[in-house]
Amino acid sequence: MKQIFSYTAIFFFVLFSMTSCSIVKSFKPVFYSSSTSVQPKKEVVTREAPGATSMEKTIIRWCFESQPQGARVFWRVISSVPEEVKNTNENWLGNTPFEETRSFNILGLTYENANDVQIEIKVRRSGYLDQTKRFNVRQAIDQQEISAFFDMIKVEE
């Protein structure tokens, strides 16, 4: 039995040695990176061609409170990659207390560039100082919520 095993081992060794010579000569190493074709092709989003990503319409919960209530809530997009995601002007959301489930509607937003985009929430009420808070969009997507409490400070005359 030992002899059959040794003959079999020798046969495969010789066979491999003969075939490996031609394989070694034509061998070209293949290096894989994170951007190999295994991953799905990503659409390139620019300012001129938005609307190609599913992140643009991400729906999250928006919740803002203030003391005293009745302050006006505004929001805008601040982007450090303006060639992909446009900055926006302030848009009015509503008055506090404000709670709504709505989409971002940020054109050009992808999960990869969401870390470079912020949402600024500004709360205003006459007789009080304006207050502003900024939220990272990727964090908001992961938490599926943007929420804050604003303790309004009365303006002293």
N, C-alpha and C. Protein backbone atom coordinates (compact mmCIF):
# COMPACT_ATOMS: atom_id res chain seq x y z
N MET A 1 0.82 -1.19 0.00
CA MET A 1 0.00 0.00 0.00
C MET A 1 0.87 1.25 0.00
N LYS A 2 1.98 1.22 0.81
CA LYS A 2 2.88 2.35 0.87
C LYS A 2 3.52 2.60 -0.48
N GLN A 3 3.82 1.50 -1.17
CA GLN A 3 4.49 1.64 -2.46
C GLN A 3 3.55 2.29 -3.50
N ILE A 4 2.27 1.94 -3.48
CA ILE A 4 1.31 2.53 -4.41
C ILE A 4 1.15 4.02 -4.13
N PHE A 5 1.12 4.34 -2.84
CA PHE A 5 0.98 5.75 -2.46
C PHE A 5 2.19 6.55 -2.93
N SER A 6 3.40 6.00 -2.75
CA SER A 6 4.60 6.72 -3.15
C SER A 6 4.68 6.87 -4.67
N TYR A 7 4.26 5.80 -5.43
CA TYR A 7 4.25 5.92 -6.88
C TYR A 7 3.23 6.97 -7.34
N THR A 8 2.10 7.02 -6.67
CA THR A 8 1.07 8.01 -7.00
C THR A 8 1.58 9.42 -6.71
N ALA A 9 2.24 9.59 -5.58
CA ALA A 9 2.78 10.90 -5.21
C ALA A 9 3.84 11.33 -6.21
N ILE A 10 4.72 10.40 -6.61
CA ILE A 10 5.77 10.72 -7.58
C ILE A 10 5.15 11.09 -8.92
N PHE A 11 4.11 10.34 -9.33
CA PHE A 11 3.45 10.61 -10.61
C PHE A 11 2.87 12.03 -10.63
N PHE A 12 2.17 12.42 -9.56
CA PHE A 12 1.59 13.75 -9.51
C PHE A 12 2.66 14.84 -9.41
N PHE A 13 3.75 14.57 -8.72
CA PHE A 13 4.84 15.52 -8.61
C PHE A 13 5.47 15.77 -9.98
N VAL A 14 5.72 14.69 -10.72
CA VAL A 14 6.32 14.82 -12.05
C VAL A 14 5.34 15.53 -12.99
N LEU A 15 4.07 15.14 -12.93
CA LEU A 15 3.06 15.76 -13.78
C LEU A 15 2.96 17.27 -13.49
N PHE A 16 2.94 17.64 -12.23
CA PHE A 16 2.87 19.03 -11.84
C PHE A 16 4.12 19.78 -12.27
N SER A 17 5.28 19.17 -12.11
CA SER A 17 6.55 19.80 -12.49
C SER A 17 6.58 20.09 -13.98
N MET A 18 6.09 19.15 -14.78
CA MET A 18 6.11 19.34 -16.22
C MET A 18 5.14 20.45 -16.64
N THR A 19 3.98 20.46 -16.06
CA THR A 19 2.99 21.47 -16.45
C THR A 19 3.29 22.83 -15.83
N SER A 20 3.93 22.84 -14.68
CA SER A 20 4.17 24.12 -14.01
C SER A 20 5.21 24.95 -14.74
N CYS A 21 6.10 24.31 -15.49
CA CYS A 21 7.11 25.07 -16.22
C CYS A 21 6.45 26.00 -17.23
N SER A 22 5.49 25.52 -17.96
CA SER A 22 4.82 26.37 -18.94
C SER A 22 3.90 27.37 -18.24
N ILE A 23 3.36 26.99 -17.11
CA ILE A 23 2.48 27.89 -16.37
C ILE A 23 3.30 29.03 -15.78
N VAL A 24 4.46 28.73 -15.23
CA VAL A 24 5.29 29.74 -14.59
C VAL A 24 5.73 30.79 -15.61
N LYS A 25 6.05 30.37 -16.83
CA LYS A 25 6.50 31.31 -17.84
C LYS A 25 5.40 32.28 -18.24
N SER A 26 4.17 31.84 -18.27
CA SER A 26 3.07 32.71 -18.68
C SER A 26 2.30 33.30 -17.51
N PHE A 27 2.80 33.10 -16.30
CA PHE A 27 2.09 33.57 -15.11
C PHE A 27 2.23 35.08 -14.98
N LYS A 28 1.09 35.75 -14.81
CA LYS A 28 1.06 37.18 -14.55
C LYS A 28 0.24 37.39 -13.28
N PRO A 29 0.85 37.97 -12.25
CA PRO A 29 0.08 38.15 -11.01
C PRO A 29 -1.05 39.15 -11.21
N VAL A 30 -2.16 38.90 -10.54
CA VAL A 30 -3.32 39.77 -10.60
C VAL A 30 -3.51 40.38 -9.23
N PHE A 31 -3.53 41.69 -9.17
CA PHE A 31 -3.73 42.38 -7.92
C PHE A 31 -5.12 42.97 -7.91
N TYR A 32 -5.84 42.72 -6.84
CA TYR A 32 -7.21 43.22 -6.72
C TYR A 32 -7.22 44.41 -5.79
N SER A 33 -7.99 45.38 -6.14
CA SER A 33 -8.17 46.54 -5.27
C SER A 33 -9.64 46.62 -4.89
N SER A 34 -9.97 47.62 -4.12
CA SER A 34 -11.36 47.77 -3.68
C SER A 34 -12.27 48.19 -4.83
N SER A 35 -11.70 48.62 -5.94
CA SER A 35 -12.52 49.06 -7.06
C SER A 35 -12.52 48.05 -8.20
N THR A 36 -12.51 46.77 -7.88
CA THR A 36 -12.53 45.76 -8.92
C THR A 36 -13.91 45.65 -9.52
N SER A 37 -14.03 44.88 -10.57
CA SER A 37 -15.31 44.77 -11.26
C SER A 37 -16.31 43.90 -10.49
N VAL A 38 -15.92 43.39 -9.33
CA VAL A 38 -16.84 42.60 -8.52
C VAL A 38 -17.96 43.50 -7.99
N GLN A 39 -17.62 44.75 -7.68
CA GLN A 39 -18.61 45.68 -7.18
C GLN A 39 -19.44 46.22 -8.34
N PRO A 40 -20.70 46.57 -8.07
CA PRO A 40 -21.52 47.13 -9.15
C PRO A 40 -20.96 48.48 -9.60
N LYS A 41 -21.16 48.79 -10.86
CA LYS A 41 -20.68 50.04 -11.40
C LYS A 41 -21.45 51.19 -10.78
N LYS A 42 -20.68 52.19 -10.29
CA LYS A 42 -21.30 53.34 -9.65
C LYS A 42 -21.51 54.43 -10.68
N GLU A 43 -22.65 55.07 -10.59
CA GLU A 43 -22.93 56.19 -11.46
C GLU A 43 -22.15 57.40 -10.95
N VAL A 44 -21.55 58.13 -11.86
CA VAL A 44 -20.83 59.34 -11.50
C VAL A 44 -21.85 60.48 -11.44
N VAL A 45 -21.88 61.13 -10.30
CA VAL A 45 -22.85 62.20 -10.09
C VAL A 45 -22.11 63.53 -10.14
N THR A 46 -22.61 64.45 -10.92
CA THR A 46 -22.05 65.79 -10.99
C THR A 46 -23.18 66.79 -10.83
N ARG A 47 -22.82 68.05 -10.77
CA ARG A 47 -23.84 69.10 -10.67
C ARG A 47 -24.71 69.14 -11.91
N GLU A 48 -24.11 68.81 -13.05
CA GLU A 48 -24.84 68.87 -14.31
C GLU A 48 -25.70 67.63 -14.54
N ALA A 49 -25.37 66.52 -13.87
CA ALA A 49 -26.12 65.28 -14.07
C ALA A 49 -26.55 64.68 -12.75
N PRO A 50 -27.42 65.36 -11.98
CA PRO A 50 -27.90 64.78 -10.72
C PRO A 50 -29.03 63.78 -10.99
N GLY A 51 -29.49 63.18 -9.95
CA GLY A 51 -30.66 62.31 -10.07
C GLY A 51 -30.34 60.86 -10.35
N ALA A 52 -29.07 60.47 -10.24
CA ALA A 52 -28.69 59.11 -10.57
C ALA A 52 -28.52 58.21 -9.35
N THR A 53 -28.78 58.72 -8.16
CA THR A 53 -28.56 57.91 -6.96
C THR A 53 -29.84 57.76 -6.14
N SER A 54 -29.90 56.67 -5.38
CA SER A 54 -31.07 56.44 -4.54
C SER A 54 -30.98 57.23 -3.24
N MET A 55 -29.78 57.70 -2.86
CA MET A 55 -29.61 58.46 -1.62
C MET A 55 -30.27 59.83 -1.69
N GLU A 56 -30.46 60.34 -2.88
CA GLU A 56 -31.04 61.67 -3.02
C GLU A 56 -32.43 61.76 -2.41
N LYS A 57 -33.15 60.68 -2.41
CA LYS A 57 -34.53 60.66 -1.92
C LYS A 57 -34.65 59.93 -0.58
N THR A 58 -33.55 59.85 0.18
CA THR A 58 -33.57 59.17 1.47
C THR A 58 -34.58 59.82 2.41
N ILE A 59 -35.41 59.00 3.03
CA ILE A 59 -36.45 59.51 3.93
C ILE A 59 -35.99 59.32 5.37
N ILE A 60 -36.02 60.41 6.12
CA ILE A 60 -35.65 60.36 7.54
C ILE A 60 -36.66 61.15 8.36
N ARG A 61 -36.55 61.04 9.67
CA ARG A 61 -37.42 61.77 10.59
C ARG A 61 -36.77 63.08 10.95
N TRP A 62 -37.51 64.17 10.85
CA TRP A 62 -37.06 65.51 11.22
C TRP A 62 -37.86 65.92 12.45
N CYS A 63 -37.18 66.30 13.53
CA CYS A 63 -37.88 66.66 14.77
C CYS A 63 -37.13 67.81 15.47
N PHE A 64 -37.81 68.94 15.65
CA PHE A 64 -37.19 70.09 16.29
C PHE A 64 -38.15 70.70 17.31
N GLU A 65 -37.62 71.01 18.47
CA GLU A 65 -38.36 71.63 19.57
C GLU A 65 -37.64 72.90 19.97
N SER A 66 -38.37 73.83 20.53
CA SER A 66 -37.75 75.04 21.07
C SER A 66 -38.51 75.47 22.31
N GLN A 67 -37.82 76.23 23.15
CA GLN A 67 -38.45 76.81 24.33
C GLN A 67 -38.18 78.29 24.28
N PRO A 68 -39.10 79.16 24.05
CA PRO A 68 -40.52 78.92 23.86
C PRO A 68 -40.82 78.38 22.46
N GLN A 69 -41.98 77.75 22.35
CA GLN A 69 -42.39 77.18 21.08
C GLN A 69 -42.82 78.28 20.12
N GLY A 70 -42.96 77.91 18.86
CA GLY A 70 -43.42 78.86 17.85
C GLY A 70 -42.31 79.50 17.05
N ALA A 71 -41.07 79.02 17.22
CA ALA A 71 -39.96 79.57 16.44
C ALA A 71 -40.01 79.00 15.02
N ARG A 72 -39.55 79.79 14.07
CA ARG A 72 -39.52 79.35 12.67
C ARG A 72 -38.27 78.51 12.44
N VAL A 73 -38.43 77.39 11.72
CA VAL A 73 -37.31 76.47 11.45
C VAL A 73 -36.96 76.55 9.97
N PHE A 74 -35.68 76.79 9.68
CA PHE A 74 -35.16 76.84 8.32
C PHE A 74 -34.05 75.80 8.18
N TRP A 75 -33.82 75.32 6.95
CA TRP A 75 -32.72 74.38 6.72
C TRP A 75 -32.06 74.71 5.38
N ARG A 76 -30.77 74.33 5.28
CA ARG A 76 -30.04 74.45 4.02
C ARG A 76 -28.94 73.41 3.96
N VAL A 77 -28.47 73.14 2.75
CA VAL A 77 -27.42 72.16 2.51
C VAL A 77 -26.09 72.90 2.38
N ILE A 78 -25.07 72.42 3.10
CA ILE A 78 -23.72 72.95 3.00
C ILE A 78 -22.83 71.80 2.55
N SER A 79 -22.21 71.95 1.39
CA SER A 79 -21.42 70.88 0.79
C SER A 79 -19.96 71.29 0.64
N SER A 80 -19.05 70.40 1.02
CA SER A 80 -17.64 70.66 0.76
C SER A 80 -17.20 70.04 -0.57
N VAL A 81 -18.14 69.42 -1.28
CA VAL A 81 -17.89 68.90 -2.64
C VAL A 81 -18.93 69.49 -3.58
N PRO A 82 -18.85 70.81 -3.85
CA PRO A 82 -19.89 71.46 -4.65
C PRO A 82 -19.96 70.97 -6.09
N GLU A 83 -18.90 70.30 -6.58
CA GLU A 83 -18.97 69.75 -7.93
C GLU A 83 -19.89 68.53 -8.00
N GLU A 84 -20.23 67.94 -6.86
CA GLU A 84 -21.14 66.80 -6.81
C GLU A 84 -22.48 67.16 -6.19
N VAL A 85 -22.44 67.85 -5.06
CA VAL A 85 -23.65 68.22 -4.33
C VAL A 85 -23.70 69.74 -4.21
N LYS A 86 -24.78 70.32 -4.65
CA LYS A 86 -24.91 71.78 -4.63
C LYS A 86 -25.27 72.29 -3.25
N ASN A 87 -24.72 73.45 -2.90
CA ASN A 87 -25.17 74.16 -1.71
C ASN A 87 -26.54 74.76 -2.02
N THR A 88 -27.37 74.93 -1.00
CA THR A 88 -28.69 75.50 -1.24
C THR A 88 -28.91 76.72 -0.36
N ASN A 89 -29.92 77.48 -0.70
CA ASN A 89 -30.36 78.59 0.13
C ASN A 89 -31.23 78.03 1.25
N GLU A 90 -31.54 78.90 2.23
CA GLU A 90 -32.39 78.45 3.33
C GLU A 90 -33.81 78.17 2.83
N ASN A 91 -34.38 77.09 3.32
CA ASN A 91 -35.77 76.73 3.03
C ASN A 91 -36.52 76.64 4.34
N TRP A 92 -37.75 77.13 4.35
CA TRP A 92 -38.57 77.10 5.55
C TRP A 92 -39.19 75.72 5.72
N LEU A 93 -39.04 75.13 6.91
CA LEU A 93 -39.65 73.84 7.23
C LEU A 93 -41.00 74.01 7.90
N GLY A 94 -41.06 74.86 8.90
CA GLY A 94 -42.28 75.04 9.68
C GLY A 94 -41.95 75.72 10.99
N ASN A 95 -42.88 75.66 11.92
CA ASN A 95 -42.68 76.24 13.24
C ASN A 95 -42.52 75.13 14.27
N THR A 96 -41.80 75.46 15.37
CA THR A 96 -41.65 74.47 16.43
C THR A 96 -42.94 74.41 17.24
N PRO A 97 -43.33 73.27 17.76
CA PRO A 97 -42.66 71.98 17.60
C PRO A 97 -42.88 71.43 16.18
N PHE A 98 -41.78 70.95 15.58
CA PHE A 98 -41.83 70.46 14.21
C PHE A 98 -41.43 68.99 14.21
N GLU A 99 -42.29 68.15 13.66
CA GLU A 99 -41.97 66.72 13.51
C GLU A 99 -42.57 66.25 12.21
N GLU A 100 -41.70 65.64 11.37
CA GLU A 100 -42.15 65.20 10.06
C GLU A 100 -41.21 64.11 9.55
N THR A 101 -41.75 63.23 8.75
CA THR A 101 -40.93 62.25 8.04
C THR A 101 -40.91 62.68 6.59
N ARG A 102 -39.73 63.02 6.10
CA ARG A 102 -39.61 63.56 4.75
C ARG A 102 -38.26 63.20 4.16
N SER A 103 -38.14 63.38 2.86
CA SER A 103 -36.88 63.05 2.18
C SER A 103 -35.94 64.24 2.22
N PHE A 104 -34.66 63.95 1.99
CA PHE A 104 -33.65 65.01 1.88
C PHE A 104 -33.87 65.82 0.61
N ASN A 105 -34.06 65.11 -0.49
CA ASN A 105 -34.14 65.73 -1.81
C ASN A 105 -32.89 66.55 -2.09
N ILE A 106 -31.72 65.94 -1.82
CA ILE A 106 -30.42 66.58 -2.07
C ILE A 106 -29.86 65.96 -3.34
N LEU A 107 -29.88 66.71 -4.43
CA LEU A 107 -29.41 66.19 -5.71
C LEU A 107 -27.91 65.93 -5.68
N GLY A 108 -27.50 64.78 -6.22
CA GLY A 108 -26.09 64.41 -6.28
C GLY A 108 -25.59 63.69 -5.05
N LEU A 109 -26.44 63.45 -4.06
CA LEU A 109 -26.01 62.81 -2.82
C LEU A 109 -25.79 61.31 -3.02
N THR A 110 -24.63 60.82 -2.59
CA THR A 110 -24.34 59.39 -2.54
C THR A 110 -23.87 59.07 -1.13
N TYR A 111 -23.82 57.79 -0.80
CA TYR A 111 -23.36 57.42 0.55
C TYR A 111 -21.88 57.79 0.71
N GLU A 112 -21.12 57.73 -0.38
CA GLU A 112 -19.69 58.03 -0.31
C GLU A 112 -19.44 59.52 -0.05
N ASN A 113 -20.23 60.41 -0.67
CA ASN A 113 -19.98 61.84 -0.46
C ASN A 113 -20.85 62.43 0.66
N ALA A 114 -21.68 61.62 1.29
CA ALA A 114 -22.56 62.11 2.35
C ALA A 114 -21.77 62.62 3.56
N ASN A 115 -20.56 62.12 3.73
CA ASN A 115 -19.73 62.57 4.85
C ASN A 115 -19.23 63.99 4.64
N ASP A 116 -19.25 64.46 3.39
CA ASP A 116 -18.78 65.80 3.06
C ASP A 116 -19.92 66.81 2.93
N VAL A 117 -21.11 66.40 3.34
CA VAL A 117 -22.29 67.26 3.22
C VAL A 117 -22.91 67.44 4.60
N GLN A 118 -23.31 68.68 4.90
CA GLN A 118 -23.96 68.97 6.17
C GLN A 118 -25.30 69.63 5.92
N ILE A 119 -26.18 69.45 6.89
CA ILE A 119 -27.45 70.16 6.89
C ILE A 119 -27.42 71.15 8.05
N GLU A 120 -27.70 72.39 7.74
CA GLU A 120 -27.73 73.44 8.75
C GLU A 120 -29.19 73.75 9.08
N ILE A 121 -29.51 73.69 10.36
CA ILE A 121 -30.84 74.03 10.85
C ILE A 121 -30.73 75.35 11.60
N LYS A 122 -31.56 76.31 11.21
CA LYS A 122 -31.56 77.61 11.87
C LYS A 122 -32.96 77.85 12.43
N VAL A 123 -33.02 78.31 13.68
CA VAL A 123 -34.29 78.58 14.35
C VAL A 123 -34.33 80.07 14.69
N ARG A 124 -35.44 80.72 14.31
CA ARG A 124 -35.60 82.17 14.53
C ARG A 124 -36.93 82.45 15.22
N ARG A 125 -36.88 83.43 16.10
CA ARG A 125 -38.10 83.94 16.72
C ARG A 125 -37.85 85.39 17.10
N SER A 126 -38.81 86.24 16.83
CA SER A 126 -38.61 87.66 17.14
C SER A 126 -38.46 87.85 18.64
N GLY A 127 -37.52 88.70 19.00
CA GLY A 127 -37.23 88.94 20.42
C GLY A 127 -36.22 87.97 20.99
N TYR A 128 -35.73 87.01 20.17
CA TYR A 128 -34.76 86.00 20.61
C TYR A 128 -33.60 85.92 19.61
N LEU A 129 -32.46 85.49 20.08
CA LEU A 129 -31.30 85.31 19.19
C LEU A 129 -31.52 84.10 18.27
N ASP A 130 -31.06 84.24 17.02
CA ASP A 130 -31.11 83.10 16.10
C ASP A 130 -30.15 82.02 16.58
N GLN A 131 -30.55 80.77 16.41
CA GLN A 131 -29.69 79.65 16.79
C GLN A 131 -29.51 78.73 15.59
N THR A 132 -28.30 78.19 15.45
CA THR A 132 -27.96 77.34 14.32
C THR A 132 -27.27 76.08 14.80
N LYS A 133 -27.65 74.95 14.19
CA LYS A 133 -26.98 73.68 14.45
C LYS A 133 -26.73 73.00 13.12
N ARG A 134 -25.59 72.30 13.02
CA ARG A 134 -25.25 71.58 11.79
C ARG A 134 -25.19 70.09 12.06
N PHE A 135 -25.67 69.32 11.07
CA PHE A 135 -25.72 67.87 11.18
C PHE A 135 -25.02 67.25 9.97
N ASN A 136 -24.21 66.24 10.22
CA ASN A 136 -23.55 65.50 9.15
C ASN A 136 -24.58 64.60 8.48
N VAL A 137 -24.64 64.63 7.15
CA VAL A 137 -25.67 63.90 6.42
C VAL A 137 -25.49 62.39 6.54
N ARG A 138 -24.24 61.90 6.51
CA ARG A 138 -24.04 60.45 6.64
C ARG A 138 -24.52 59.96 8.00
N GLN A 139 -24.24 60.71 9.03
CA GLN A 139 -24.72 60.34 10.37
C GLN A 139 -26.24 60.36 10.42
N ALA A 140 -26.85 61.35 9.78
CA ALA A 140 -28.31 61.43 9.75
C ALA A 140 -28.90 60.23 9.00
N ILE A 141 -28.25 59.83 7.92
CA ILE A 141 -28.72 58.66 7.16
C ILE A 141 -28.62 57.41 8.01
N ASP A 142 -27.49 57.24 8.69
CA ASP A 142 -27.30 56.06 9.54
C ASP A 142 -28.30 56.03 10.70
N GLN A 143 -28.57 57.17 11.29
CA GLN A 143 -29.50 57.24 12.42
C GLN A 143 -30.95 57.38 11.98
N GLN A 144 -31.16 57.70 10.72
CA GLN A 144 -32.48 57.90 10.13
C GLN A 144 -33.27 59.00 10.85
N GLU A 145 -32.52 60.00 11.33
CA GLU A 145 -33.19 61.08 12.07
C GLU A 145 -32.29 62.30 12.17
N ILE A 146 -32.92 63.46 12.14
CA ILE A 146 -32.28 64.72 12.52
C ILE A 146 -33.20 65.34 13.55
N SER A 147 -32.69 65.53 14.75
CA SER A 147 -33.52 66.10 15.81
C SER A 147 -32.67 66.99 16.71
N ALA A 148 -33.30 68.02 17.26
CA ALA A 148 -32.59 68.93 18.14
C ALA A 148 -33.58 69.72 18.98
N PHE A 149 -33.08 70.22 20.11
CA PHE A 149 -33.84 71.10 20.98
C PHE A 149 -33.10 72.43 21.03
N PHE A 150 -33.83 73.51 20.87
CA PHE A 150 -33.25 74.84 20.90
C PHE A 150 -33.83 75.60 22.08
N ASP A 151 -32.96 76.00 23.01
CA ASP A 151 -33.37 76.82 24.16
C ASP A 151 -33.11 78.25 23.76
N MET A 152 -34.16 78.94 23.38
CA MET A 152 -34.04 80.29 22.83
C MET A 152 -33.58 81.28 23.90
N ILE A 153 -32.68 82.18 23.51
CA ILE A 153 -32.13 83.18 24.43
C ILE A 153 -32.74 84.52 24.07
N LYS A 154 -33.36 85.14 25.08
CA LYS A 154 -34.04 86.43 24.88
C LYS A 154 -33.02 87.53 24.63
N VAL A 155 -33.33 88.41 23.66
CA VAL A 155 -32.46 89.54 23.35
C VAL A 155 -32.69 90.62 24.40
N GLU A 156 -31.58 91.08 25.00
CA GLU A 156 -31.69 92.16 25.99
C GLU A 156 -31.55 93.48 25.27
N GLU A 157 -32.45 94.40 25.57
CA GLU A 157 -32.42 95.72 24.91
C GLU A 157 -31.74 96.74 25.75
